[in-house]
Amino acid sequence: MLVIGLEVKSEENLAFMLRSITEQLQLVNESALQVERFAIEKYDDVKELYDFVSSKDLVSVSEMEAIVQELRNLQK
């Protein structure tokens, strides 16, 4: 099995990161973070948010609101 790191900018990796963020933050409206809403040019920005969320055991309400707002700003 070939494992490709998230350093590779692809739609599949972008979708994986968005799904992971959705799960970690327990977001109800998953459709708001569909991969189609994000340009691949925003990959590094999404990865930065993914890395932040992944590094946290618990995300505060204010952090969650800021992350969701930033993801909205990154959409096409």
PDB file of N, CA and C in Angstrom:
ATOM      1  N   MET A   1       0.842  -1.186   0.000  1.00  0.00           N
ATOM      2  CA  MET A   1       0.000   0.000   0.000  1.00  0.00           C
ATOM      3  C   MET A   1       0.882   1.241   0.000  1.00  0.00           C
ATOM      4  N   LEU A   2       0.636   2.126  -0.914  1.00  0.00           N
ATOM      5  CA  LEU A   2       1.403   3.364  -1.048  1.00  0.00           C
ATOM      6  C   LEU A   2       0.744   4.452  -0.212  1.00  0.00           C
ATOM      7  N   VAL A   3       1.522   5.056   0.659  1.00  0.00           N
ATOM      8  CA  VAL A   3       1.012   6.138   1.495  1.00  0.00           C
ATOM      9  C   VAL A   3       1.622   7.442   1.006  1.00  0.00           C
ATOM     10  N   ILE A   4       0.779   8.368   0.654  1.00  0.00           N
ATOM     11  CA  ILE A   4       1.243   9.672   0.181  1.00  0.00           C
ATOM     12  C   ILE A   4       0.946  10.678   1.273  1.00  0.00           C
ATOM     13  N   GLY A   5       1.946  11.455   1.630  1.00  0.00           N
ATOM     14  CA  GLY A   5       1.776  12.439   2.692  1.00  0.00           C
ATOM     15  C   GLY A   5       0.925  13.611   2.257  1.00  0.00           C
ATOM     16  N   LEU A   6       0.506  14.369   3.229  1.00  0.00           N
ATOM     17  CA  LEU A   6      -0.332  15.531   2.956  1.00  0.00           C
ATOM     18  C   LEU A   6       0.456  16.680   2.351  1.00  0.00           C
ATOM     19  N   GLU A   7       1.771  16.505   2.198  1.00  0.00           N
ATOM     20  CA  GLU A   7       2.566  17.536   1.538  1.00  0.00           C
ATOM     21  C   GLU A   7       2.231  17.614   0.044  1.00  0.00           C
ATOM     22  N   VAL A   8       1.676  16.521  -0.486  1.00  0.00           N
ATOM     23  CA  VAL A   8       1.280  16.474  -1.892  1.00  0.00           C
ATOM     24  C   VAL A   8      -0.067  17.176  -2.030  1.00  0.00           C
ATOM     25  N   LYS A   9      -0.079  18.239  -2.820  1.00  0.00           N
ATOM     26  CA  LYS A   9      -1.310  19.017  -3.009  1.00  0.00           C
ATOM     27  C   LYS A   9      -2.216  18.299  -4.002  1.00  0.00           C
ATOM     28  N   SER A  10      -3.297  17.737  -3.472  1.00  0.00           N
ATOM     29  CA  SER A  10      -4.261  17.051  -4.330  1.00  0.00           C
ATOM     30  C   SER A  10      -5.659  17.268  -3.769  1.00  0.00           C
ATOM     31  N   GLU A  11      -6.640  17.072  -4.627  1.00  0.00           N
ATOM     32  CA  GLU A  11      -8.024  17.204  -4.186  1.00  0.00           C
ATOM     33  C   GLU A  11      -8.374  16.143  -3.148  1.00  0.00           C
ATOM     34  N   GLU A  12      -7.793  14.946  -3.308  1.00  0.00           N
ATOM     35  CA  GLU A  12      -8.041  13.869  -2.351  1.00  0.00           C
ATOM     36  C   GLU A  12      -7.527  14.244  -0.965  1.00  0.00           C
ATOM     37  N   ASN A  13      -6.319  14.802  -0.904  1.00  0.00           N
ATOM     38  CA  ASN A  13      -5.758  15.212   0.382  1.00  0.00           C
ATOM     39  C   ASN A  13      -6.542  16.377   0.977  1.00  0.00           C
ATOM     40  N   LEU A  14      -6.974  17.286   0.125  1.00  0.00           N
ATOM     41  CA  LEU A  14      -7.784  18.413   0.581  1.00  0.00           C
ATOM     42  C   LEU A  14      -9.091  17.894   1.189  1.00  0.00           C
ATOM     43  N   ALA A  15      -9.723  16.952   0.506  1.00  0.00           N
ATOM     44  CA  ALA A  15     -10.969  16.360   1.006  1.00  0.00           C
ATOM     45  C   ALA A  15     -10.733  15.642   2.336  1.00  0.00           C
ATOM     46  N   PHE A  16      -9.619  14.916   2.435  1.00  0.00           N
ATOM     47  CA  PHE A  16      -9.284  14.222   3.678  1.00  0.00           C
ATOM     48  C   PHE A  16      -9.146  15.209   4.835  1.00  0.00           C
ATOM     49  N   MET A  17      -8.423  16.290   4.608  1.00  0.00           N
ATOM     50  CA  MET A  17      -8.215  17.278   5.669  1.00  0.00           C
ATOM     51  C   MET A  17      -9.529  17.923   6.086  1.00  0.00           C
ATOM     52  N   LEU A  18     -10.373  18.254   5.117  1.00  0.00           N
ATOM     53  CA  LEU A  18     -11.664  18.873   5.433  1.00  0.00           C
ATOM     54  C   LEU A  18     -12.559  17.917   6.216  1.00  0.00           C
ATOM     55  N   ARG A  19     -12.564  16.629   5.830  1.00  0.00           N
ATOM     56  CA  ARG A  19     -13.341  15.629   6.584  1.00  0.00           C
ATOM     57  C   ARG A  19     -12.818  15.506   8.011  1.00  0.00           C
ATOM     58  N   SER A  20     -11.507  15.491   8.143  1.00  0.00           N
ATOM     59  CA  SER A  20     -10.903  15.371   9.474  1.00  0.00           C
ATOM     60  C   SER A  20     -11.241  16.568  10.355  1.00  0.00           C
ATOM     61  N   ILE A  21     -11.178  17.756   9.779  1.00  0.00           N
ATOM     62  CA  ILE A  21     -11.531  18.965  10.533  1.00  0.00           C
ATOM     63  C   ILE A  21     -12.996  18.897  10.956  1.00  0.00           C
ATOM     64  N   THR A  22     -13.862  18.489  10.039  1.00  0.00           N
ATOM     65  CA  THR A  22     -15.292  18.368  10.330  1.00  0.00           C
ATOM     66  C   THR A  22     -15.531  17.404  11.487  1.00  0.00           C
ATOM     67  N   GLU A  23     -14.837  16.262  11.462  1.00  0.00           N
ATOM     68  CA  GLU A  23     -15.001  15.265  12.521  1.00  0.00           C
ATOM     69  C   GLU A  23     -14.437  15.766  13.845  1.00  0.00           C
ATOM     70  N   GLN A  24     -13.240  16.333  13.810  1.00  0.00           N
ATOM     71  CA  GLN A  24     -12.590  16.797  15.045  1.00  0.00           C
ATOM     72  C   GLN A  24     -13.416  17.897  15.721  1.00  0.00           C
ATOM     73  N   LEU A  25     -13.972  18.799  14.919  1.00  0.00           N
ATOM     74  CA  LEU A  25     -14.760  19.897  15.480  1.00  0.00           C
ATOM     75  C   LEU A  25     -16.216  19.504  15.708  1.00  0.00           C
ATOM     76  N   GLN A  26     -16.574  18.292  15.280  1.00  0.00           N
ATOM     77  CA  GLN A  26     -17.936  17.778  15.402  1.00  0.00           C
ATOM     78  C   GLN A  26     -18.944  18.740  14.776  1.00  0.00           C
ATOM     79  N   LEU A  27     -18.624  19.173  13.563  1.00  0.00           N
ATOM     80  CA  LEU A  27     -19.500  20.100  12.852  1.00  0.00           C
ATOM     81  C   LEU A  27     -20.713  19.354  12.319  1.00  0.00           C
ATOM     82  N   VAL A  28     -21.865  19.950  12.468  1.00  0.00           N
ATOM     83  CA  VAL A  28     -23.113  19.333  12.030  1.00  0.00           C
ATOM     84  C   VAL A  28     -23.309  19.527  10.533  1.00  0.00           C
ATOM     85  N   ASN A  29     -23.021  20.712  10.030  1.00  0.00           N
ATOM     86  CA  ASN A  29     -23.242  21.045   8.628  1.00  0.00           C
ATOM     87  C   ASN A  29     -22.009  20.700   7.800  1.00  0.00           C
ATOM     88  N   GLU A  30     -21.854  19.412   7.488  1.00  0.00           N
ATOM     89  CA  GLU A  30     -20.698  18.952   6.726  1.00  0.00           C
ATOM     90  C   GLU A  30     -20.666  19.520   5.314  1.00  0.00           C
ATOM     91  N   SER A  31     -21.817  19.843   4.765  1.00  0.00           N
ATOM     92  CA  SER A  31     -21.867  20.343   3.392  1.00  0.00           C
ATOM     93  C   SER A  31     -21.153  21.682   3.247  1.00  0.00           C
ATOM     94  N   ALA A  32     -20.992  22.402   4.341  1.00  0.00           N
ATOM     95  CA  ALA A  32     -20.303  23.692   4.287  1.00  0.00           C
ATOM     96  C   ALA A  32     -18.820  23.536   3.976  1.00  0.00           C
ATOM     97  N   LEU A  33     -18.285  22.343   4.208  1.00  0.00           N
ATOM     98  CA  LEU A  33     -16.859  22.116   3.970  1.00  0.00           C
ATOM     99  C   LEU A  33     -16.618  21.097   2.864  1.00  0.00           C
ATOM    100  N   GLN A  34     -17.433  21.137   1.841  1.00  0.00           N
ATOM    101  CA  GLN A  34     -17.226  20.252   0.698  1.00  0.00           C
ATOM    102  C   GLN A  34     -15.998  20.698  -0.076  1.00  0.00           C
ATOM    103  N   VAL A  35     -15.238  19.728  -0.544  1.00  0.00           N
ATOM    104  CA  VAL A  35     -13.982  20.020  -1.232  1.00  0.00           C
ATOM    105  C   VAL A  35     -14.208  20.905  -2.460  1.00  0.00           C
ATOM    106  N   GLU A  36     -15.361  20.787  -3.092  1.00  0.00           N
ATOM    107  CA  GLU A  36     -15.653  21.577  -4.291  1.00  0.00           C
ATOM    108  C   GLU A  36     -15.669  23.074  -4.005  1.00  0.00           C
ATOM    109  N   ARG A  37     -15.840  23.440  -2.768  1.00  0.00           N
ATOM    110  CA  ARG A  37     -15.912  24.855  -2.388  1.00  0.00           C
ATOM    111  C   ARG A  37     -14.534  25.489  -2.195  1.00  0.00           C
ATOM    112  N   PHE A  38     -13.472  24.674  -2.310  1.00  0.00           N
ATOM    113  CA  PHE A  38     -12.121  25.162  -2.036  1.00  0.00           C
ATOM    114  C   PHE A  38     -11.235  25.009  -3.267  1.00  0.00           C
ATOM    115  N   ALA A  39     -10.514  26.065  -3.594  1.00  0.00           N
ATOM    116  CA  ALA A  39      -9.548  26.014  -4.689  1.00  0.00           C
ATOM    117  C   ALA A  39      -8.277  25.347  -4.179  1.00  0.00           C
ATOM    118  N   ILE A  40      -7.629  24.591  -5.037  1.00  0.00           N
ATOM    119  CA  ILE A  40      -6.391  23.906  -4.663  1.00  0.00           C
ATOM    120  C   ILE A  40      -5.310  24.913  -4.248  1.00  0.00           C
ATOM    121  N   GLU A  41      -5.436  26.146  -4.716  1.00  0.00           N
ATOM    122  CA  GLU A  41      -4.480  27.200  -4.341  1.00  0.00           C
ATOM    123  C   GLU A  41      -4.547  27.518  -2.841  1.00  0.00           C
ATOM    124  N   LYS A  42      -5.633  27.150  -2.199  1.00  0.00           N
ATOM    125  CA  LYS A  42      -5.797  27.385  -0.757  1.00  0.00           C
ATOM    126  C   LYS A  42      -5.343  26.182   0.074  1.00  0.00           C
ATOM    127  N   TYR A  43      -4.730  25.207  -0.583  1.00  0.00           N
ATOM    128  CA  TYR A  43      -4.320  23.962   0.069  1.00  0.00           C
ATOM    129  C   TYR A  43      -3.463  24.212   1.309  1.00  0.00           C
ATOM    130  N   ASP A  44      -2.435  25.044   1.171  1.00  0.00           N
ATOM    131  CA  ASP A  44      -1.525  25.289   2.300  1.00  0.00           C
ATOM    132  C   ASP A  44      -2.250  25.925   3.483  1.00  0.00           C
ATOM    133  N   ASP A  45      -3.204  26.794   3.196  1.00  0.00           N
ATOM    134  CA  ASP A  45      -3.978  27.428   4.267  1.00  0.00           C
ATOM    135  C   ASP A  45      -4.848  26.398   4.993  1.00  0.00           C
ATOM    136  N   VAL A  46      -5.482  25.517   4.228  1.00  0.00           N
ATOM    137  CA  VAL A  46      -6.300  24.463   4.832  1.00  0.00           C
ATOM    138  C   VAL A  46      -5.406  23.513   5.625  1.00  0.00           C
ATOM    139  N   LYS A  47      -4.228  23.198   5.086  1.00  0.00           N
ATOM    140  CA  LYS A  47      -3.292  22.302   5.787  1.00  0.00           C
ATOM    141  C   LYS A  47      -2.861  22.906   7.116  1.00  0.00           C
ATOM    142  N   GLU A  48      -2.639  24.194   7.135  1.00  0.00           N
ATOM    143  CA  GLU A  48      -2.259  24.865   8.379  1.00  0.00           C
ATOM    144  C   GLU A  48      -3.363  24.719   9.433  1.00  0.00           C
ATOM    145  N   LEU A  49      -4.609  24.903   9.013  1.00  0.00           N
ATOM    146  CA  LEU A  49      -5.737  24.726   9.934  1.00  0.00           C
ATOM    147  C   LEU A  49      -5.866  23.263  10.367  1.00  0.00           C
ATOM    148  N   TYR A  50      -5.677  22.358   9.415  1.00  0.00           N
ATOM    149  CA  TYR A  50      -5.727  20.922   9.721  1.00  0.00           C
ATOM    150  C   TYR A  50      -4.662  20.558  10.756  1.00  0.00           C
ATOM    151  N   ASP A  51      -3.444  21.039  10.555  1.00  0.00           N
ATOM    152  CA  ASP A  51      -2.357  20.748  11.496  1.00  0.00           C
ATOM    153  C   ASP A  51      -2.684  21.280  12.886  1.00  0.00           C
ATOM    154  N   PHE A  52      -3.253  22.477  12.934  1.00  0.00           N
ATOM    155  CA  PHE A  52      -3.625  23.069  14.219  1.00  0.00           C
ATOM    156  C   PHE A  52      -4.678  22.223  14.921  1.00  0.00           C
ATOM    157  N   VAL A  53      -5.748  21.898  14.206  1.00  0.00           N
ATOM    158  CA  VAL A  53      -6.846  21.126  14.791  1.00  0.00           C
ATOM    159  C   VAL A  53      -6.351  19.738  15.213  1.00  0.00           C
ATOM    160  N   SER A  54      -5.516  19.125  14.386  1.00  0.00           N
ATOM    161  CA  SER A  54      -5.007  17.784  14.685  1.00  0.00           C
ATOM    162  C   SER A  54      -4.109  17.764  15.913  1.00  0.00           C
ATOM    163  N   SER A  55      -3.476  18.874  16.193  1.00  0.00           N
ATOM    164  CA  SER A  55      -2.550  18.929  17.326  1.00  0.00           C
ATOM    165  C   SER A  55      -3.266  19.140  18.664  1.00  0.00           C
ATOM    166  N   LYS A  56      -4.545  19.451  18.605  1.00  0.00           N
ATOM    167  CA  LYS A  56      -5.305  19.773  19.818  1.00  0.00           C
ATOM    168  C   LYS A  56      -6.123  18.565  20.284  1.00  0.00           C
ATOM    169  N   ASP A  57      -6.119  18.332  21.587  1.00  0.00           N
ATOM    170  CA  ASP A  57      -7.016  17.327  22.151  1.00  0.00           C
ATOM    171  C   ASP A  57      -8.421  17.898  22.285  1.00  0.00           C
ATOM    172  N   LEU A  58      -8.470  19.181  22.595  1.00  0.00           N
ATOM    173  CA  LEU A  58      -9.744  19.857  22.791  1.00  0.00           C
ATOM    174  C   LEU A  58      -9.655  21.245  22.168  1.00  0.00           C
ATOM    175  N   VAL A  59     -10.660  21.597  21.395  1.00  0.00           N
ATOM    176  CA  VAL A  59     -10.710  22.911  20.752  1.00  0.00           C
ATOM    177  C   VAL A  59     -11.766  23.734  21.480  1.00  0.00           C
ATOM    178  N   SER A  60     -11.387  24.927  21.909  1.00  0.00           N
ATOM    179  CA  SER A  60     -12.337  25.786  22.619  1.00  0.00           C
ATOM    180  C   SER A  60     -13.392  26.316  21.649  1.00  0.00           C
ATOM    181  N   VAL A  61     -14.461  26.816  22.198  1.00  0.00           N
ATOM    182  CA  VAL A  61     -15.543  27.371  21.379  1.00  0.00           C
ATOM    183  C   VAL A  61     -15.024  28.539  20.549  1.00  0.00           C
ATOM    184  N   SER A  62     -14.240  29.413  21.147  1.00  0.00           N
ATOM    185  CA  SER A  62     -13.724  30.570  20.401  1.00  0.00           C
ATOM    186  C   SER A  62     -12.762  30.128  19.302  1.00  0.00           C
ATOM    187  N   GLU A  63     -11.948  29.099  19.562  1.00  0.00           N
ATOM    188  CA  GLU A  63     -11.063  28.571  18.516  1.00  0.00           C
ATOM    189  C   GLU A  63     -11.881  27.954  17.394  1.00  0.00           C
ATOM    190  N   MET A  64     -12.921  27.211  17.754  1.00  0.00           N
ATOM    191  CA  MET A  64     -13.771  26.585  16.750  1.00  0.00           C
ATOM    192  C   MET A  64     -14.426  27.637  15.862  1.00  0.00           C
ATOM    193  N   GLU A  65     -14.943  28.682  16.465  1.00  0.00           N
ATOM    194  CA  GLU A  65     -15.568  29.756  15.689  1.00  0.00           C
ATOM    195  C   GLU A  65     -14.560  30.405  14.750  1.00  0.00           C
ATOM    196  N   ALA A  66     -13.350  30.629  15.230  1.00  0.00           N
ATOM    197  CA  ALA A  66     -12.312  31.246  14.400  1.00  0.00           C
ATOM    198  C   ALA A  66     -11.915  30.325  13.250  1.00  0.00           C
ATOM    199  N   ILE A  67     -11.811  29.036  13.513  1.00  0.00           N
ATOM    200  CA  ILE A  67     -11.447  28.071  12.470  1.00  0.00           C
ATOM    201  C   ILE A  67     -12.531  28.013  11.406  1.00  0.00           C
ATOM    202  N   VAL A  68     -13.780  27.920  11.832  1.00  0.00           N
ATOM    203  CA  VAL A  68     -14.897  27.864  10.879  1.00  0.00           C
ATOM    204  C   VAL A  68     -14.946  29.140  10.046  1.00  0.00           C
ATOM    205  N   GLN A  69     -14.737  30.281  10.673  1.00  0.00           N
ATOM    206  CA  GLN A  69     -14.738  31.547   9.933  1.00  0.00           C
ATOM    207  C   GLN A  69     -13.598  31.580   8.917  1.00  0.00           C
ATOM    208  N   GLU A  70     -12.432  31.119   9.321  1.00  0.00           N
ATOM    209  CA  GLU A  70     -11.290  31.100   8.401  1.00  0.00           C
ATOM    210  C   GLU A  70     -11.563  30.168   7.225  1.00  0.00           C
ATOM    211  N   LEU A  71     -12.174  29.026   7.480  1.00  0.00           N
ATOM    212  CA  LEU A  71     -12.524  28.110   6.394  1.00  0.00           C
ATOM    213  C   LEU A  71     -13.537  28.748   5.448  1.00  0.00           C
ATOM    214  N   ARG A  72     -14.472  29.493   5.981  1.00  0.00           N
ATOM    215  CA  ARG A  72     -15.428  30.221   5.116  1.00  0.00           C
ATOM    216  C   ARG A  72     -14.685  31.218   4.234  1.00  0.00           C
ATOM    217  N   ASN A  73     -13.718  31.914   4.824  1.00  0.00           N
ATOM    218  CA  ASN A  73     -12.946  32.903   4.068  1.00  0.00           C
ATOM    219  C   ASN A  73     -12.116  32.263   2.962  1.00  0.00           C
ATOM    220  N   LEU A  74     -11.737  31.010   3.134  1.00  0.00           N
ATOM    221  CA  LEU A  74     -10.900  30.319   2.151  1.00  0.00           C
ATOM    222  C   LEU A  74     -11.698  29.738   0.990  1.00  0.00           C
ATOM    223  N   GLN A  75     -13.016  29.701   1.117  1.00  0.00           N
ATOM    224  CA  GLN A  75     -13.833  29.116   0.054  1.00  0.00           C
ATOM    225  C   GLN A  75     -13.813  29.988  -1.191  1.00  0.00           C
ATOM    226  N   LYS A  76     -14.082  29.327  -2.326  1.00  0.00           N
ATOM    227  CA  LYS A  76     -14.104  30.024  -3.621  1.00  0.00           C
ATOM    228  C   LYS A  76     -15.144  31.123  -3.617  1.00  0.00           C
TER     229      LYS A  76
END
